[in-house]
Amino acid sequence: MPTALELFDAVSARTFRVLPTGLPHLDGLLSGGLAPGEMLELCGAATSGKSHVGLAAAVAGESSLVRLSTLLISLNSEFQA
């Protein structure tokens, strides 16, 4: 658990190592959570929990002590470039 001074320094510098998603198993796969400034793409079958993971990460960012912004993009059906 970070100290108050470490949180203050992080907020002041806007540097964070990882943002826990709130999903312990996923955080374990991601070495602790989502890395700020990086993008994570989730692929899977319908009803596999992709939207749940995205919303959990957004909630974790909003409810964290440092109030991080998140962007969730959800594509229905197929994505064709």
N, C-alpha and C. Protein backbone atom coordinates (compact mmCIF):
# COMPACT_ATOMS: atom_id res chain seq x y z
N MET A 1 0.84 -1.18 0.00
CA MET A 1 0.00 0.00 0.00
C MET A 1 0.89 1.24 0.00
N PRO A 2 0.68 2.14 -0.97
CA PRO A 2 1.51 3.34 -1.03
C PRO A 2 1.21 4.30 0.12
N THR A 3 2.20 5.06 0.50
CA THR A 3 2.02 6.06 1.54
C THR A 3 1.33 7.28 0.94
N ALA A 4 0.86 8.17 1.80
CA ALA A 4 0.22 9.40 1.35
C ALA A 4 1.20 10.24 0.54
N LEU A 5 2.45 10.27 0.95
CA LEU A 5 3.45 11.05 0.22
C LEU A 5 3.69 10.45 -1.16
N GLU A 6 3.73 9.13 -1.26
CA GLU A 6 3.92 8.48 -2.56
C GLU A 6 2.73 8.76 -3.48
N LEU A 7 1.51 8.73 -2.94
CA LEU A 7 0.34 9.05 -3.75
C LEU A 7 0.37 10.50 -4.20
N PHE A 8 0.75 11.39 -3.30
CA PHE A 8 0.85 12.80 -3.66
C PHE A 8 1.87 13.01 -4.77
N ASP A 9 3.03 12.38 -4.62
CA ASP A 9 4.06 12.50 -5.65
C ASP A 9 3.58 11.93 -6.98
N ALA A 10 2.86 10.82 -6.94
CA ALA A 10 2.35 10.20 -8.17
C ALA A 10 1.33 11.11 -8.85
N VAL A 11 0.44 11.68 -8.05
CA VAL A 11 -0.57 12.58 -8.62
C VAL A 11 0.11 13.82 -9.18
N SER A 12 1.07 14.35 -8.46
CA SER A 12 1.76 15.55 -8.92
C SER A 12 2.50 15.31 -10.22
N ALA A 13 3.14 14.17 -10.33
CA ALA A 13 3.92 13.86 -11.53
C ALA A 13 3.08 13.15 -12.59
N ARG A 14 1.85 12.73 -12.22
CA ARG A 14 0.98 11.97 -13.11
C ARG A 14 1.70 10.74 -13.66
N THR A 15 2.49 10.10 -12.80
CA THR A 15 3.17 8.87 -13.19
C THR A 15 2.65 7.75 -12.30
N PHE A 16 2.23 6.68 -12.91
CA PHE A 16 1.71 5.55 -12.18
C PHE A 16 2.28 4.29 -12.79
N ARG A 17 2.58 3.34 -11.96
CA ARG A 17 3.11 2.08 -12.49
C ARG A 17 2.00 1.26 -13.13
N VAL A 18 0.98 0.91 -12.37
CA VAL A 18 -0.14 0.12 -12.90
C VAL A 18 -1.42 0.53 -12.19
N LEU A 19 -2.53 0.30 -12.87
CA LEU A 19 -3.85 0.51 -12.29
C LEU A 19 -4.49 -0.85 -12.13
N PRO A 20 -4.68 -1.32 -10.90
CA PRO A 20 -5.37 -2.60 -10.73
C PRO A 20 -6.77 -2.55 -11.33
N THR A 21 -7.18 -3.61 -12.01
CA THR A 21 -8.50 -3.65 -12.64
C THR A 21 -9.60 -3.97 -11.66
N GLY A 22 -9.24 -4.46 -10.49
CA GLY A 22 -10.25 -4.92 -9.54
C GLY A 22 -10.60 -6.38 -9.75
N LEU A 23 -9.97 -7.00 -10.73
CA LEU A 23 -10.17 -8.43 -11.02
C LEU A 23 -8.84 -9.13 -10.74
N PRO A 24 -8.72 -9.78 -9.57
CA PRO A 24 -7.44 -10.33 -9.14
C PRO A 24 -6.77 -11.26 -10.15
N HIS A 25 -7.53 -12.12 -10.80
CA HIS A 25 -6.92 -13.05 -11.75
C HIS A 25 -6.34 -12.31 -12.96
N LEU A 26 -7.07 -11.32 -13.46
CA LEU A 26 -6.56 -10.53 -14.59
C LEU A 26 -5.36 -9.71 -14.17
N ASP A 27 -5.41 -9.11 -12.99
CA ASP A 27 -4.26 -8.34 -12.50
C ASP A 27 -3.02 -9.22 -12.41
N GLY A 28 -3.20 -10.47 -12.02
CA GLY A 28 -2.07 -11.39 -11.96
C GLY A 28 -1.46 -11.62 -13.33
N LEU A 29 -2.30 -11.73 -14.35
CA LEU A 29 -1.80 -11.92 -15.72
C LEU A 29 -1.13 -10.67 -16.26
N LEU A 30 -1.55 -9.51 -15.77
CA LEU A 30 -1.04 -8.23 -16.26
C LEU A 30 0.05 -7.64 -15.35
N SER A 31 0.66 -8.47 -14.53
CA SER A 31 1.71 -8.02 -13.61
C SER A 31 1.24 -6.89 -12.70
N GLY A 32 0.01 -7.01 -12.22
CA GLY A 32 -0.49 -6.06 -11.24
C GLY A 32 -1.63 -5.19 -11.73
N GLY A 33 -1.80 -5.04 -13.02
CA GLY A 33 -2.89 -4.22 -13.54
C GLY A 33 -2.55 -3.62 -14.89
N LEU A 34 -3.32 -2.62 -15.25
CA LEU A 34 -3.15 -1.94 -16.53
C LEU A 34 -2.08 -0.88 -16.43
N ALA A 35 -1.21 -0.82 -17.43
CA ALA A 35 -0.14 0.18 -17.44
C ALA A 35 -0.67 1.47 -18.05
N PRO A 36 -0.52 2.59 -17.38
CA PRO A 36 -0.99 3.87 -17.92
C PRO A 36 -0.33 4.17 -19.26
N GLY A 37 -1.12 4.72 -20.17
CA GLY A 37 -0.60 5.07 -21.48
C GLY A 37 -0.55 3.93 -22.46
N GLU A 38 -0.96 2.75 -22.05
CA GLU A 38 -0.96 1.60 -22.94
C GLU A 38 -2.38 1.18 -23.24
N MET A 39 -2.53 0.44 -24.32
CA MET A 39 -3.83 -0.03 -24.74
C MET A 39 -3.88 -1.55 -24.54
N LEU A 40 -5.02 -2.02 -24.11
CA LEU A 40 -5.25 -3.45 -23.95
C LEU A 40 -6.43 -3.84 -24.82
N GLU A 41 -6.23 -4.82 -25.68
CA GLU A 41 -7.30 -5.32 -26.53
C GLU A 41 -7.74 -6.67 -26.02
N LEU A 42 -9.03 -6.80 -25.76
CA LEU A 42 -9.59 -8.07 -25.32
C LEU A 42 -10.44 -8.65 -26.45
N CYS A 43 -10.20 -9.90 -26.75
CA CYS A 43 -10.98 -10.59 -27.78
C CYS A 43 -11.56 -11.85 -27.16
N GLY A 44 -12.73 -12.22 -27.61
CA GLY A 44 -13.34 -13.44 -27.11
C GLY A 44 -14.74 -13.60 -27.64
N ALA A 45 -15.29 -14.74 -27.35
CA ALA A 45 -16.65 -15.06 -27.80
C ALA A 45 -17.66 -14.15 -27.10
N ALA A 46 -18.84 -14.07 -27.70
CA ALA A 46 -19.93 -13.32 -27.08
C ALA A 46 -20.19 -13.86 -25.69
N THR A 47 -20.51 -13.01 -24.78
CA THR A 47 -20.79 -13.31 -23.37
C THR A 47 -19.60 -13.87 -22.60
N SER A 48 -18.38 -13.62 -23.07
CA SER A 48 -17.19 -14.14 -22.37
C SER A 48 -16.69 -13.19 -21.29
N GLY A 49 -17.26 -11.98 -21.20
CA GLY A 49 -16.88 -11.06 -20.12
C GLY A 49 -16.00 -9.90 -20.54
N LYS A 50 -15.85 -9.68 -21.83
CA LYS A 50 -14.99 -8.58 -22.30
C LYS A 50 -15.49 -7.23 -21.80
N SER A 51 -16.76 -6.98 -21.93
CA SER A 51 -17.32 -5.69 -21.47
C SER A 51 -17.18 -5.55 -19.96
N HIS A 52 -17.36 -6.63 -19.24
CA HIS A 52 -17.21 -6.60 -17.77
C HIS A 52 -15.80 -6.18 -17.39
N VAL A 53 -14.82 -6.72 -18.07
CA VAL A 53 -13.43 -6.36 -17.77
C VAL A 53 -13.20 -4.88 -18.05
N GLY A 54 -13.69 -4.39 -19.18
CA GLY A 54 -13.52 -2.98 -19.50
C GLY A 54 -14.19 -2.06 -18.51
N LEU A 55 -15.41 -2.40 -18.13
CA LEU A 55 -16.13 -1.57 -17.15
C LEU A 55 -15.47 -1.65 -15.77
N ALA A 56 -14.99 -2.82 -15.39
CA ALA A 56 -14.30 -2.95 -14.10
C ALA A 56 -13.05 -2.08 -14.07
N ALA A 57 -12.31 -2.04 -15.17
CA ALA A 57 -11.12 -1.20 -15.24
C ALA A 57 -11.48 0.27 -15.16
N ALA A 58 -12.56 0.67 -15.83
CA ALA A 58 -13.00 2.06 -15.78
C ALA A 58 -13.42 2.46 -14.37
N VAL A 59 -14.14 1.58 -13.71
CA VAL A 59 -14.56 1.84 -12.32
C VAL A 59 -13.35 1.91 -11.41
N ALA A 60 -12.39 1.01 -11.61
CA ALA A 60 -11.18 1.01 -10.77
C ALA A 60 -10.42 2.33 -10.94
N GLY A 61 -10.33 2.83 -12.16
CA GLY A 61 -9.64 4.10 -12.40
C GLY A 61 -10.35 5.27 -11.77
N GLU A 62 -11.65 5.28 -11.89
CA GLU A 62 -12.45 6.39 -11.33
C GLU A 62 -12.45 6.38 -9.81
N SER A 63 -12.47 5.19 -9.24
CA SER A 63 -12.58 5.10 -7.78
C SER A 63 -11.22 5.04 -7.09
N SER A 64 -10.13 5.03 -7.86
CA SER A 64 -8.81 5.01 -7.24
C SER A 64 -8.54 6.36 -6.58
N LEU A 65 -7.56 6.39 -5.72
CA LEU A 65 -7.23 7.63 -5.01
C LEU A 65 -6.72 8.70 -5.96
N VAL A 66 -6.21 8.29 -7.11
CA VAL A 66 -5.64 9.26 -8.03
C VAL A 66 -6.58 9.63 -9.17
N ARG A 67 -7.78 9.02 -9.23
CA ARG A 67 -8.84 9.35 -10.19
C ARG A 67 -8.32 9.42 -11.62
N LEU A 68 -8.00 8.28 -12.19
CA LEU A 68 -7.51 8.21 -13.56
C LEU A 68 -8.65 8.18 -14.56
N SER A 69 -8.43 8.75 -15.72
CA SER A 69 -9.40 8.70 -16.80
C SER A 69 -9.19 7.42 -17.60
N THR A 70 -10.27 6.84 -18.04
CA THR A 70 -10.19 5.64 -18.88
C THR A 70 -11.08 5.84 -20.09
N LEU A 71 -10.77 5.09 -21.14
CA LEU A 71 -11.55 5.12 -22.36
C LEU A 71 -11.88 3.68 -22.73
N LEU A 72 -13.16 3.39 -22.86
CA LEU A 72 -13.62 2.05 -23.23
C LEU A 72 -14.27 2.14 -24.60
N ILE A 73 -13.72 1.40 -25.55
CA ILE A 73 -14.29 1.35 -26.89
C ILE A 73 -14.80 -0.06 -27.10
N SER A 74 -16.09 -0.17 -27.41
CA SER A 74 -16.69 -1.48 -27.62
C SER A 74 -17.19 -1.56 -29.06
N LEU A 75 -16.76 -2.59 -29.74
CA LEU A 75 -17.17 -2.79 -31.13
C LEU A 75 -18.11 -3.97 -31.20
N ASN A 76 -19.27 -3.76 -31.80
CA ASN A 76 -20.22 -4.86 -31.98
C ASN A 76 -19.91 -5.58 -33.27
N SER A 77 -20.19 -6.86 -33.30
CA SER A 77 -19.98 -7.72 -34.48
C SER A 77 -18.50 -7.74 -34.86
N GLU A 78 -18.23 -7.45 -36.11
CA GLU A 78 -16.86 -7.55 -36.60
C GLU A 78 -16.27 -6.18 -36.85
N PHE A 79 -14.98 -6.12 -36.71
CA PHE A 79 -14.24 -4.91 -37.05
C PHE A 79 -13.47 -5.19 -38.32
N GLN A 80 -13.71 -4.43 -39.34
CA GLN A 80 -13.01 -4.62 -40.60
C GLN A 80 -12.27 -3.35 -40.96
N ALA A 81 -10.99 -3.50 -41.22
CA ALA A 81 -10.18 -2.32 -41.57
C ALA A 81 -10.07 -2.19 -43.07
